[in-house]
Each structure stands twice: as structure tokens, then as C-alpha cells.
Protein backbone atom coordinates (compact mmCIF):
# COMPACT_ATOMS: atom_id res chain seq x y z
CA LEU A 1 33.58 95.35 85.24
CA GLY A 2 31.71 92.09 85.62
CA VAL A 3 34.82 90.51 87.13
CA ALA A 4 35.82 93.41 89.35
CA THR A 5 32.61 93.59 91.40
CA PRO A 6 32.71 90.03 92.82
CA LEU A 7 36.38 90.51 93.66
CA LYS A 8 35.60 93.61 95.70
CA LEU A 9 32.84 91.79 97.57
CA ARG A 10 35.07 88.83 98.29
CA VAL A 11 37.88 91.00 99.66
CA GLY A 12 35.40 92.93 101.74
CA GLU A 13 33.93 89.78 103.22
CA MET A 14 37.36 88.60 104.30
CA GLY A 15 37.99 91.87 106.13
CA ASP A 16 35.93 90.83 109.14
CA GLN A 17 37.78 87.54 109.50
CA GLY A 18 41.30 88.76 108.86
CA PRO A 19 43.49 90.45 106.27
CA SER A 20 43.24 89.23 102.69
CA TRP A 21 46.21 87.77 100.83
CA LEU A 22 46.40 91.07 98.94
CA GLY A 23 46.68 92.91 102.23
CA ARG A 24 49.35 90.56 103.50
CA LEU A 25 51.29 90.97 100.27
CA SER A 26 51.07 94.74 100.60
CA ASP A 27 52.32 94.51 104.19
CA THR A 28 55.25 92.35 103.13
CA TYR A 29 56.06 94.76 100.31
CA ASN A 30 56.23 97.66 102.78
CA MET A 31 58.35 95.57 105.13
CA LEU A 32 60.82 94.68 102.38
CA TRP A 33 61.54 98.19 101.16
CA LYS A 34 61.84 99.50 104.72
CA ILE A 35 64.38 96.82 105.59
CA VAL A 36 66.41 97.74 102.50
CA ILE A 37 66.56 101.52 102.93
CA ARG A 38 64.91 102.51 106.23
CA PRO A 39 65.48 100.04 109.06
CA PRO A 40 65.22 101.46 112.59
CA ARG A 41 67.84 104.15 113.01
CA ASP A 42 70.38 103.90 115.83
CA LEU A 43 69.90 107.33 117.39
CA TYR A 44 72.06 108.14 120.39
CA SER A 45 73.04 111.15 122.46
CA PRO A 46 76.54 112.70 122.26
CA GLU A 47 77.05 111.68 125.88
CA GLU A 48 76.94 108.02 124.82
CA LEU A 49 80.24 108.54 123.01
CA GLY A 50 81.84 108.68 126.44
CA PRO A 51 84.73 110.82 127.65
CA VAL A 52 86.98 112.57 125.15
CA LYS A 53 90.02 111.08 126.90
CA PHE A 54 90.18 107.55 128.29
CA ARG A 55 92.66 104.90 129.37
CA LEU A 56 93.19 101.53 127.77
CA GLY A 57 95.83 99.54 129.59
CA LYS A 58 98.47 102.04 130.69
CA ARG A 59 98.08 104.40 127.76
CA VAL A 60 95.85 107.42 127.38
CA TYR A 61 93.88 107.94 124.19
CA GLU A 62 91.59 110.67 122.96
CA ARG A 63 88.62 110.90 120.64
CA ARG A 64 88.56 113.76 118.17
CA ASP A 65 85.07 114.37 116.83
CA LEU A 66 84.70 116.05 113.47
CA GLN A 67 82.28 116.56 110.60
CA LEU A 68 82.86 115.80 106.93
CA ARG A 69 80.55 116.60 104.04
CA SER A 70 79.53 114.04 101.47
CA SER A 71 77.09 114.24 98.56
CA ARG A 72 74.22 113.43 100.95
CA GLY A 73 75.05 115.87 103.72
CA VAL A 74 77.10 116.06 106.90
CA LEU A 75 78.83 112.95 108.26
CA GLU A 76 79.45 112.71 112.01
CA CYS A 77 82.88 111.18 112.59
CA SER A 78 85.36 110.29 115.35
CA HIS A 79 89.11 109.64 115.22
CA PHE A 80 90.73 107.72 118.10
CA LEU A 81 94.46 108.18 118.60
CA PRO A 82 97.06 108.49 121.39
CA ALA A 83 96.56 111.53 123.59
CA LYS A 84 100.30 112.25 123.40
CA PRO A 85 101.16 111.21 119.85
CA GLN A 86 104.76 111.13 118.75
CA GLU A 87 105.76 112.93 115.60
CA VAL A 88 105.24 109.84 113.44
CA ARG A 89 102.68 108.70 110.92
CA ARG A 90 100.57 105.79 112.10
CA PRO A 91 98.40 103.31 110.19
CA CYS A 92 94.68 104.03 110.50
CA VAL A 93 91.76 101.57 110.46
CA VAL A 94 88.39 102.87 109.26
CA TYR A 95 85.58 100.93 110.95
CA LEU A 96 82.27 100.72 109.04
CA HIS A 97 79.09 99.71 110.86
CA GLY A 98 76.05 97.64 109.86
CA ASN A 99 72.68 98.80 108.54
CA CYS A 100 70.89 99.26 111.91
CA SER A 101 73.95 100.53 113.73
CA SER A 102 76.20 103.58 114.13
CA ARG A 103 79.80 104.54 114.92
CA LEU A 104 79.23 103.26 118.46
CA GLU A 105 79.72 99.78 116.99
CA ALA A 106 83.41 100.57 116.53
CA PHE A 107 83.94 100.79 120.28
CA ASP A 108 84.19 97.01 120.58
CA ALA A 109 87.13 96.99 118.17
CA LEU A 110 89.11 99.65 120.02
CA PRO A 111 90.62 97.26 122.62
CA VAL A 112 92.23 95.12 119.92
CA LEU A 113 93.30 97.95 117.58
CA LEU A 114 94.54 100.85 119.71
CA PRO A 115 97.07 98.81 121.76
CA ARG A 116 98.68 97.73 118.47
CA ASP A 117 99.53 101.36 117.77
CA LEU A 118 96.84 101.79 115.13
CA THR A 119 94.53 104.77 115.09
CA VAL A 120 90.83 104.15 114.51
CA PHE A 121 88.43 106.28 112.48
CA CYS A 122 84.69 105.64 112.60
CA LEU A 123 81.62 107.46 111.35
CA ASP A 124 77.86 107.38 111.08
CA LEU A 125 77.32 106.55 107.42
CA SER A 126 74.75 108.73 105.66
CA GLY A 127 71.24 107.78 106.68
CA SER A 128 72.53 106.24 109.93
CA GLY A 129 73.10 107.48 113.46
CA ARG A 130 73.47 111.26 113.74
CA SER A 131 74.62 111.87 110.16
CA ASP A 132 72.43 113.49 107.51
CA GLY A 133 70.41 111.43 105.08
CA GLU A 134 66.91 109.96 105.18
CA PHE A 135 67.69 106.51 103.77
CA ILE A 136 70.52 104.00 103.72
CA SER A 137 71.55 102.11 100.57
CA LEU A 138 73.42 99.01 101.87
CA GLY A 139 76.66 100.21 100.35
CA HIS A 140 75.78 102.10 97.17
CA HIS A 141 75.86 105.62 98.61
CA GLU A 142 77.91 104.62 101.65
CA GLN A 143 80.98 103.85 99.55
CA ARG A 144 80.91 107.49 98.46
CA ASP A 145 80.89 108.50 102.13
CA LEU A 146 83.92 106.27 102.59
CA LYS A 147 85.66 107.95 99.66
CA VAL A 148 85.27 111.31 101.43
CA VAL A 149 86.75 109.83 104.62
CA LEU A 150 89.74 108.38 102.77
CA GLN A 151 90.43 111.72 101.10
CA HIS A 152 90.41 113.38 104.52
CA LEU A 153 92.75 110.83 106.11
CA ARG A 154 95.21 111.00 103.22
CA SER A 155 95.43 114.75 103.69
CA LEU A 156 96.69 114.32 107.27
CA ASP A 157 100.39 114.23 108.15
CA THR A 158 99.67 111.78 110.97
CA VAL A 159 98.26 108.92 108.85
CA SER A 160 100.37 106.48 106.84
CA THR A 161 98.52 103.47 105.44
CA ILE A 162 94.78 102.88 105.68
CA GLY A 163 92.84 99.66 106.25
CA LEU A 164 89.12 98.92 106.42
CA TRP A 165 87.10 96.85 108.89
CA GLY A 166 83.47 96.47 107.89
CA ARG A 167 80.58 94.38 109.14
CA SER A 168 77.43 93.53 107.14
CA MET A 169 76.58 96.76 105.26
CA GLY A 170 79.99 98.10 106.25
CA ALA A 171 81.70 95.06 104.71
CA THR A 172 79.77 95.55 101.46
CA THR A 173 80.76 99.22 101.46
CA SER A 174 84.41 98.20 101.89
CA ILE A 175 84.26 95.80 98.95
CA LEU A 176 82.75 98.40 96.62
CA ARG A 177 85.42 100.95 97.55
CA ALA A 178 88.34 98.51 97.50
CA ALA A 179 87.50 97.64 93.90
CA GLU A 180 88.14 101.26 92.89
CA ASP A 181 90.77 102.30 95.44
CA HIS A 182 93.90 100.16 95.10
CA GLY A 183 95.73 102.29 97.64
CA LEU A 184 94.08 100.52 100.57
CA ALA A 185 96.42 98.31 102.58
CA ALA A 186 94.01 95.62 103.83
CA CYS A 187 90.36 94.80 104.60
CA VAL A 188 88.52 92.80 107.26
CA LEU A 189 85.13 91.82 105.83
CA ASP A 190 82.56 90.34 108.22
CA SER A 191 79.30 88.92 106.80
CA ALA A 192 78.97 90.75 103.48
CA PHE A 193 76.47 89.70 100.80
CA ARG A 194 77.30 88.81 97.20
CA ASP A 195 74.18 90.46 95.70
CA LEU A 196 70.98 91.83 97.14
CA ARG A 197 68.63 89.84 94.89
CA SER A 198 70.01 86.55 96.22
CA VAL A 199 69.53 87.68 99.81
CA ALA A 200 65.89 88.64 99.14
CA GLU A 201 65.11 85.42 97.29
CA GLU A 202 66.65 83.29 100.02
CA LEU A 203 64.76 85.11 102.77
CA VAL A 204 61.46 84.51 100.98
CA THR A 205 62.27 80.90 100.08
CA ARG A 206 63.08 80.09 103.71
CA GLY A 207 59.85 81.68 104.96
CA ARG A 208 61.26 84.83 106.49
CA PHE A 209 58.70 86.89 104.54
CA PRO A 210 55.19 85.63 103.56
CA VAL A 211 55.40 86.07 99.78
CA PRO A 212 54.05 83.30 97.50
CA GLN A 213 56.88 81.95 95.37
CA PHE A 214 55.04 82.65 92.13
CA LEU A 215 54.76 86.34 93.08
CA LEU A 216 58.39 86.74 94.12
CA ASN A 217 59.66 88.40 90.95
CA TRP A 218 56.70 90.78 90.91
CA ALA A 219 57.31 91.71 94.58
CA LEU A 220 61.01 92.32 93.94
CA GLU A 221 60.22 94.58 91.02
CA MET A 222 57.79 96.55 93.19
CA VAL A 223 60.43 96.94 95.89
CA ARG A 224 62.95 97.89 93.23
CA SER A 225 60.70 100.69 92.00
CA GLU A 226 59.99 101.95 95.53
CA VAL A 227 63.67 101.98 96.54
CA SER A 228 64.74 103.65 93.30
CA THR A 229 62.17 106.39 93.79
CA ARG A 230 62.91 107.03 97.45
CA ALA A 231 66.67 106.41 97.74
CA GLY A 232 67.96 106.93 94.20
CA PHE A 233 69.59 103.58 93.46
CA ASP A 234 68.65 100.22 91.95
CA PRO A 235 68.88 97.57 94.71
CA LEU A 236 68.90 94.67 92.26
CA LYS A 237 72.05 96.08 90.64
CA LEU A 238 73.86 96.12 93.98
CA MET A 239 76.28 93.24 93.31
CA PRO A 240 79.48 93.27 95.40
CA ILE A 241 80.43 89.95 93.78
CA ASN A 242 81.28 91.89 90.61
CA SER A 243 83.49 94.29 92.56
CA ALA A 244 85.36 91.55 94.44
CA SER A 245 87.18 90.51 91.29
CA GLU A 246 88.56 94.05 90.97
CA ALA A 247 89.85 94.35 94.55
CA VAL A 248 93.55 93.59 95.03
CA CYS A 249 94.38 94.41 98.66
CA PRO A 250 94.74 91.54 101.21
CA ALA A 251 91.39 90.62 102.77
CA LEU A 252 90.34 88.59 105.81
CA PHE A 253 86.79 87.29 105.42
CA GLY A 254 84.74 86.29 108.46
CA VAL A 255 81.37 84.53 108.55
CA ALA A 256 79.19 82.77 111.11
CA ALA A 257 78.36 79.20 110.16
CA ASP A 258 74.93 79.67 111.76
CA ASP A 259 74.09 82.92 109.95
CA THR A 260 70.46 82.54 108.81
CA PHE A 261 70.01 86.08 107.50
CA VAL A 262 72.83 86.31 104.95
CA LEU A 263 73.77 82.70 104.29
CA PRO A 264 77.47 81.74 104.64
CA HIS A 265 77.83 80.95 100.94
CA HIS A 266 77.77 84.71 100.22
CA THR A 267 81.07 85.16 102.06
CA GLN A 268 82.51 82.04 100.44
CA ASP A 269 81.60 83.35 96.96
CA LEU A 270 83.13 86.74 97.69
CA HIS A 271 86.26 85.09 99.06
CA ASP A 272 86.61 82.94 95.94
CA ALA A 273 86.16 85.95 93.63
CA TRP A 274 88.61 88.23 95.48
CA ALA A 275 91.53 89.20 93.23
CA GLY A 276 94.10 89.75 95.98
CA GLU A 277 95.41 87.76 98.94
CA ARG A 278 92.47 86.27 100.78
CA THR A 279 91.82 84.35 104.02
CA LEU A 280 88.55 82.93 105.35
CA ARG A 281 87.62 82.32 108.99
CA VAL A 282 84.41 80.65 110.19
CA PHE A 283 82.88 80.91 113.68
CA ASN A 284 79.49 80.78 115.39
CA GLY A 285 77.32 83.67 116.47
CA GLY A 286 74.79 84.39 113.74
CA HIS A 287 74.69 87.47 111.55
CA ASN A 288 74.55 89.94 114.43
CA GLY A 289 76.09 88.02 117.32
CA VAL A 290 79.18 88.84 119.32
CA ARG A 291 82.32 87.74 117.53
CA PRO A 292 84.76 85.43 119.35
CA THR A 293 87.79 87.06 120.88
CA TRP A 294 90.19 84.95 118.82
CA PHE A 295 88.70 86.30 115.60
CA LEU A 296 88.92 89.92 116.76
CA GLU A 297 92.54 89.42 117.79
CA GLU A 298 93.40 87.69 114.50
CA ALA A 299 91.65 90.43 112.50
CA ALA A 300 93.61 93.13 114.33
CA GLU A 301 96.90 91.29 113.81
CA PHE A 302 96.06 90.74 110.13
CA LEU A 303 95.61 94.50 109.69
CA VAL A 304 98.81 95.31 111.59
CA GLU A 305 100.97 93.02 109.48
CA ARG A 306 99.53 94.03 106.10
CA MET A 307 99.37 97.74 106.85
CA ARG A 308 102.94 97.91 108.10
CA THR A 309 104.16 95.83 105.19
CA ARG A 310 102.53 98.37 102.91
CA SER A 311 104.20 101.19 104.91
CA VAL A 312 107.64 99.64 104.42
CA PHE A 313 106.91 99.15 100.74
CA LYS A 314 106.07 102.84 100.47
CA ASP A 315 109.21 103.75 102.45
CA ASP A 316 106.94 105.24 105.07
CA ILE A 317 107.94 103.27 108.15
CA THR A 318 105.92 103.80 111.31
CA PRO A 319 108.10 102.92 114.31
CA GLY A 320 105.20 102.32 116.71
CA ARG A 321 105.04 99.36 119.07
CA ARG A 322 103.44 96.04 118.28
CA PHE A 323 101.72 95.90 121.65
CA ALA A 324 101.28 98.82 124.00
CA ALA A 325 101.43 96.53 127.04
CA CYS A 326 105.07 95.50 126.49
CA SER A 327 107.58 96.42 129.16
CA GLY A 328 109.80 99.39 128.60
CA ALA A 329 110.09 103.11 129.10
CA GLN A 330 107.24 103.86 126.72
CA ASP A 331 104.84 101.79 128.81
CA LYS A 332 104.75 104.13 131.78
CA ASP A 333 101.39 105.44 132.86
CA GLU A 334 100.44 108.43 130.72
CA ASP A 335 98.02 110.13 133.14
CA ASP A 336 97.96 113.89 132.82
CA ASP A 337 96.89 114.47 136.42
CA GLY A 338 96.46 112.65 139.69
CA ASP A 339 93.28 110.74 138.86
CA GLY A 340 93.78 110.46 135.12
CA PRO A 341 91.08 109.91 132.52
CA PRO A 342 88.60 107.05 132.96
CA ARG A 343 89.37 103.62 131.57
CA LEU A 344 87.65 102.40 128.43
CA VAL A 345 84.92 99.97 129.48
CA SER A 346 83.00 97.82 127.02
CA PRO A 347 81.80 94.20 126.93
CA LEU A 348 84.82 93.37 124.78
CA THR A 349 87.35 94.89 127.17
CA GLU A 350 85.85 92.80 129.96
CA ARG A 351 86.01 89.62 127.86
CA LEU A 352 89.58 90.33 126.80
CA GLN A 353 90.57 90.86 130.42
CA LEU A 354 88.97 87.57 131.46
CA ASP A 355 90.71 85.73 128.61
CA ALA A 356 94.04 87.32 129.51
CA ASP A 357 93.58 86.50 133.19
CA SER A 358 92.86 82.84 132.50
CA ALA A 359 95.81 82.57 130.08
CA ALA A 360 98.44 84.64 131.86
CA GLY A 361 97.47 84.44 135.52
CA PRO A 362 97.38 87.40 137.95
CA THR A 363 98.20 90.84 136.58
CA SER A 364 99.10 94.10 138.25
CA PRO A 365 95.99 95.82 139.63
CA PRO A 366 94.73 99.09 138.15
CA ASP A 367 94.65 102.29 140.14
CA ASN A 368 92.31 102.47 143.17
CA VAL A 369 91.56 98.71 143.03
CA SER A 370 93.49 96.42 145.34
CA GLU A 371 95.14 93.24 144.14
CA LYS A 372 92.96 91.31 146.57
CA THR A 373 89.81 92.74 144.96
CA ILE A 374 91.06 91.86 141.49
CA LYS A 375 91.73 88.25 142.49
CA HIS A 376 88.35 88.03 144.21
CA ARG A 377 86.58 89.24 141.05
CA GLN A 378 88.55 86.81 138.93
CA GLN A 379 87.46 83.94 141.15
CA LEU A 380 83.83 85.08 141.06
CA ALA A 381 83.96 85.32 137.28
CA LEU A 382 85.50 81.85 137.07
CA ASP A 383 82.73 80.45 139.31
CA LEU A 384 80.06 82.06 137.13
CA THR A 385 81.54 80.71 133.92
CA ARG A 386 81.64 77.24 135.50
CA LEU A 387 77.94 77.63 136.17
CA GLY A 388 77.47 78.19 132.45
CA PHE A 389 77.21 81.97 132.15
CA GLY A 390 79.12 83.74 129.39
CA HIS A 391 82.29 85.77 129.90
CA GLU A 392 80.46 89.06 129.32
CA ALA A 393 77.79 88.31 131.94
CA ALA A 394 80.38 87.08 134.43
CA ALA A 395 82.62 90.13 134.00
CA GLN A 396 79.80 92.62 134.46
CA ALA A 397 78.26 90.75 137.40
CA THR A 398 81.50 90.91 139.40
CA HIS A 399 81.21 94.70 139.38
CA HIS A 400 77.71 94.53 140.90
CA GLY A 401 78.20 91.94 143.60
CA THR A 402 80.84 90.86 146.06
CA THR A 403 79.53 87.31 146.55
CA LEU A 404 78.38 84.59 144.17
CA GLU A 405 74.80 84.96 145.44
CA LYS A 406 74.77 88.70 144.73
CA CYS A 407 76.27 88.21 141.27
CA LEU A 408 73.61 85.62 140.41
CA SER A 409 70.92 87.92 141.75
CA TRP A 410 72.18 90.79 139.55
CA ILE A 411 72.25 88.61 136.41
CA LEU A 412 68.70 87.39 137.01
CA ARG A 413 67.44 90.97 137.43
CA GLN A 414 68.68 92.05 134.02
CA PRO A 415 66.08 92.63 131.26
CA GLY A 416 65.81 89.84 128.71
CA ASP A 417 67.71 86.56 128.98
CA GLU A 418 70.90 87.43 127.08
CA PHE A 419 72.91 87.47 130.31
CA ALA A 420 70.84 84.92 132.19
CA ARG A 421 71.39 82.03 129.80
CA ILE A 422 72.94 78.81 131.07
CA GLU A 423 74.33 76.45 128.44
CA THR A 424 74.35 73.00 130.04
CA GLY A 425 76.80 70.43 128.86
CA LYS A 426 79.21 73.05 127.51
CA PRO A 427 82.88 72.68 128.48
CA GLY A 428 83.51 74.84 131.50
CA THR A 429 79.96 74.63 132.86
CA CYS A 430 79.05 72.96 136.11
CA GLU A 431 77.54 70.03 134.22
CA ALA A 432 80.69 69.35 132.21
CA SER A 433 83.29 70.28 134.82
CA GLU A 434 82.82 68.09 137.87
CA ALA A 435 86.15 69.23 139.24
CA GLY A 436 84.91 72.80 139.30
CA VAL A 437 81.80 71.75 141.18
CA ARG A 438 83.78 69.78 143.74
CA GLN A 439 86.08 72.72 144.26
CA ASN A 440 83.18 74.89 145.34
CA GLY A 441 81.30 72.07 147.07
CA GLN A 442 77.58 71.55 147.35
CA ARG A 443 77.04 75.30 147.59
CA THR A 444 77.93 75.87 143.92
CA SER A 445 75.84 72.93 142.76
CA SER A 446 72.79 74.14 144.63
CA MET A 447 73.29 77.62 143.23
CA ALA A 448 73.32 76.24 139.70
CA SER A 449 70.03 74.46 140.39
CA SER A 450 68.58 77.58 141.97
CA ALA A 451 69.75 79.71 139.05
CA SER A 452 68.14 77.36 136.54
CA THR A 453 64.87 77.40 138.49
CA GLN A 454 64.84 81.19 138.62
CA LEU A 455 65.61 81.35 134.92
CA GLN A 456 62.63 79.15 134.15
CA ARG A 457 60.40 81.36 136.26
CA LYS A 458 61.82 84.46 134.61
CA GLN A 459 61.25 83.10 131.12
CA ALA A 460 57.72 82.08 132.05
CA THR A 461 56.91 85.69 132.95
CA MET A 462 57.98 86.72 129.45
CA GLU A 463 55.06 84.91 127.82
CA VAL A 464 52.77 87.64 126.51
CA ALA A 465 49.22 87.00 125.38
CA SER A 466 48.63 87.58 121.69
CA SER A 467 46.87 90.78 120.65
CA PRO A 468 45.71 92.28 117.35
CA PRO A 469 48.44 93.99 115.32
CA ARG A 470 48.71 97.74 115.66
CA ARG A 471 49.87 100.14 113.00
CA ARG A 472 52.03 102.32 115.20
CA GLY A 473 55.52 102.60 116.57
CA ASN A 474 58.46 104.95 116.50
CA PRO A 475 61.66 104.24 114.50
CA ALA A 476 63.63 106.36 116.98
CA GLY A 477 61.97 105.03 120.14
CA LYS A 478 62.53 102.05 122.38
CA LEU A 479 63.24 98.63 120.91
CA SER A 480 59.61 97.51 121.21
CA GLU A 481 58.44 100.69 119.46
CA GLN A 482 60.96 100.18 116.65
CA LEU A 483 59.64 96.65 116.14
CA LEU A 484 56.08 97.98 116.04
CA TYR A 485 57.18 100.47 113.41
CA LEU A 486 58.51 97.60 111.30
CA GLY A 487 55.12 95.90 111.47
CA PHE A 488 55.46 93.22 114.14
CA ASP A 489 52.56 92.55 116.53
CA GLU A 490 52.64 94.30 119.88
CA ASP A 491 52.99 91.06 121.85
CA GLN A 492 55.83 89.92 119.61
CA SER A 493 57.54 93.29 119.95
CA ILE A 494 57.30 93.26 123.73
CA LEU A 495 58.57 89.69 123.97
CA ALA A 496 61.53 90.40 121.66
CA SER A 497 62.44 93.58 123.56
CA LYS A 498 62.58 91.59 126.78
CA ARG A 499 64.69 88.84 125.31
CA CYS A 500 67.05 90.95 123.20
CA LEU A 501 69.31 93.91 123.88
CA THR A 502 69.69 95.21 120.30
CA MET A 503 67.60 95.51 117.14
CA ASP A 504 69.88 93.10 115.30
CA ALA A 505 69.38 90.44 117.95
CA ALA A 506 65.61 91.09 117.95
CA MET A 507 65.41 90.56 114.19
CA ASP A 508 67.24 87.25 114.54
CA PHE A 509 64.87 86.24 117.34
CA MET A 510 61.83 87.09 115.21
CA ALA A 511 63.25 85.05 112.36
CA GLN A 512 63.87 82.03 114.58
CA GLU A 513 60.30 82.23 115.88
CA GLN A 514 59.05 82.52 112.25
CA VAL A 515 56.68 85.35 113.12
CA SER A 516 54.62 87.20 110.51
CA VAL A 517 54.72 90.90 109.73
CA HIS A 518 51.63 93.10 109.62
CA LEU A 519 51.86 96.75 108.61
């Protein structure tokens, strides 16, 4: 008792000046268990799934929504397949999203998978999106959800072989299931972790969370107890590295060399431990960044080759085409009526179109858009990329402006600076491509200078004065409210929401700024 009283007085005295180290440790503890099992949930409306039927290239596809039941409740699922399927069995790719995401993440993979005559199945894993479940488990319970999905697909007469494409939590889920299910044809595994303890220790060691090193083991045990009580699994026993040695299907591993959240060595270790055929690809983009087009194309082709090889081995040949865009009778437009269903539009489809345009030259224009308009947009996009803007920004801007000035104006009006980022000195920019500048004359050069000036002004307006931390927020609200819920200061949350378009990108931004968490 003689020791306890002075301690209480000392903690109380520090309250007027700022939180005590005990308070900060408690805040970090709450932050850690929430990141493990209850990060902000990606809630969306059914309308955001888009039209049931859509066009990709010259083919028409449809989305069939369905519900499956797992041990933790109802799973909301979607199956993408040709609107006029032939009486054949096709390979199916199951796409598995990350921990703060949902089945909407799969939409960026559709443009590289569907044209290769693969069907795509995606779902909100339990605890994510619109599916049941209060907490996620970074793969432990999710692999049971995946088992339910695989049982469903194998009961269909329209599915032959099955492959998996997972990212982050989805990649870990794929590894855990592949170790037990040797009937899978192939896996694409993007940014998985080898074991959760290593991830936590590395985040603390590199200053991502303010935990004194000598208290690390104690903090992990506290988080372990909290997660076990709330979500029903032991996070420190979540070790995909042990499962990798039991998995025998071919696997393509992908990792960003600049991933600062789950360090690249995790993917290397998993690759080395994999029991089957294995391939490793390295790129840039961070843990949650956009993957390069070449990797997406290679991943899709990897799945096609391995899944069809498995089909032949099983004497279950699927005669579908390699590419839907090849010439031939099957490539005729599959519209059901005069206007036809809308085309699939996503950042990836725009980037793929730009890449194809630059590689193959002019293509036949789509319906209701003249060839002259297509060429004009291609030229505008080329001018924007020479100025240093990314393919995604350039593609979208050409749909909002008919001149270079209007396209630049649209980019600069967008929230955050994800679109309005000029990378000087990069090949293809105005600084590195003098020929491109000469081609457009002084007008392009002055626009680049004007764009940079406006960007500086725009970024200056994003500086937000610091304010005391607030214990509020909404995990299902706007990005800034989700960040407040996680424990970031209000000024930090506002700044991140202006600079970033997604929660994953905001978390990376917070990490780069080395901000503290207060709950």
C-alpha cells in the first residue's frame, strides 16, 4: 500500500500535462487487437456491385449473386461468368480479398481473368463486407469460409478446375486451405505473412506502434488473450509458414519490394517453404498499392496454364478460348438488344486499354464512340502521361475533358493527391522526354509548370493544424471517421482522408508519417 499511493499521485499529476506511459500502452494495446480482428469494415451498398450484366471487350458477362452458409453465418457471394455460356465446364478462380476490403476488390482482376475464359467467384469473407460475423481472423476462420465455397463450386456442372487468387489476408487464407486441399489447381499469393507474431514484432521494432521493447512480449500476450476471448482463435499460433510445406499445387508469389507493413522476407520464406512448383515476382507499390499490369497479366496466364493442365490431366478438357478478343465467329458482339449491357469500367480496365493502345496502335472504336474521339482521348492520355501523371489518372481525365487544360483542371479538383501527383525525372514525363515536350511545343511545357504550381498550392491547403485527440469515430463511416475510430488524431485523420482514397492507403500514409495512436 505504501508503494501504490505515490504511484497514483504521480499518474494523476501527469494527467494535466498529457497521457501517462501506462495510458499510451493501453491505447496501443487497444489499437493492436482492433487491427488484428476488427479493422474498419468495408461496407457498401448493393448498387455498388454494378449492373448484373456488363460488357468486357465484345463479350457479355453476368454476375450471379448468391448466399452460402458457413460456421459463422451467411456469406455474400458473386459468380461472374459468360451471359451465354456454352454447355462446357470452365475453370473457376476464387478471388479472396484483404483484411479491410470486400468482394469489390475482385473487380480489378475481372479484366484479366474473364477474357481468358475463366469464371470468377468472389465473396465477402466472414466479418468483412456484407457477410455475417463480428470479427475477422486473418485467415483462421476465413479458410473455413473458403472450404464452403469450394464445396459449392465442386457441386456445379459448370466448373472444372479451381484456382485461388488471394491478397494479404486472402493470400494467407489460400495457403491454409491449399495445405489441406490438394485438389486445387493453382494459387496466386500476393503479400502473405509467414506468422503473425513476426509481423507484430517487426511493426513495433520499426516504430509503427509505441510499445517499449522490454514490454513487447507482455503486450503480445495481452493482445493474444483479448483476441482469443473475442474472436475464438490464438493469433500467435497463426503460422502459414507451417502450412506452406504441406501445399503441393503450383503457386505464383508476388511481393512489393517497398512493402513496409508486411516485410518482403515473409513472401520469400513462404516461397522457399512451398512444397509444390513455385515462382516469385517482385514489383513496387507497397502492401496496398496498385499492382503493375504486367504482374496481373502474368498471374492470369499462370492460372490459365496450370488450371487447364490440371483439366487435361483429369480428362476434363475445357475447350474455351485463350483470349476472348481473338478473331473468329465466336468473337461477334453478344448484345441481347440494341443498346446492350454497359461496359465494365474500372481503373484497371482503363490502364489495360492504355497499355494495349500504346503497344498495338489504334483499335476499333466501341459503340456510340467515334474513332476520332477514341484517337483524341488516346492523344490526351499520352500528353498527360508525358507530363508525369499516372495511367489511371490520365485515362479517367480524358472522360471529363476534351482539352488538355480541362483534363488538368479535372485532375487538380480531385480530393487528395493520388491522381494529382507528378513524378519528375521518370521515363515518359516531360522532364525525361524532351521529344514529347517539343512535339507539343511551349504550351505543354508551360502547362507542366502550371500544374506543378497548382499542386503545390493544393498540397499547402491540406496542412491541418494539430488538435487534441478525440475518442470518437465510426468504423462504418467516412474514411476520416474510420481513422478516428482506430485512434488517430482528428487532424491526422482529416489529412489522410484528403491524401488517400482507401483505408489501406491511409494506413500506409500514417505509417510513413510515423504518427502516434491515441484511443
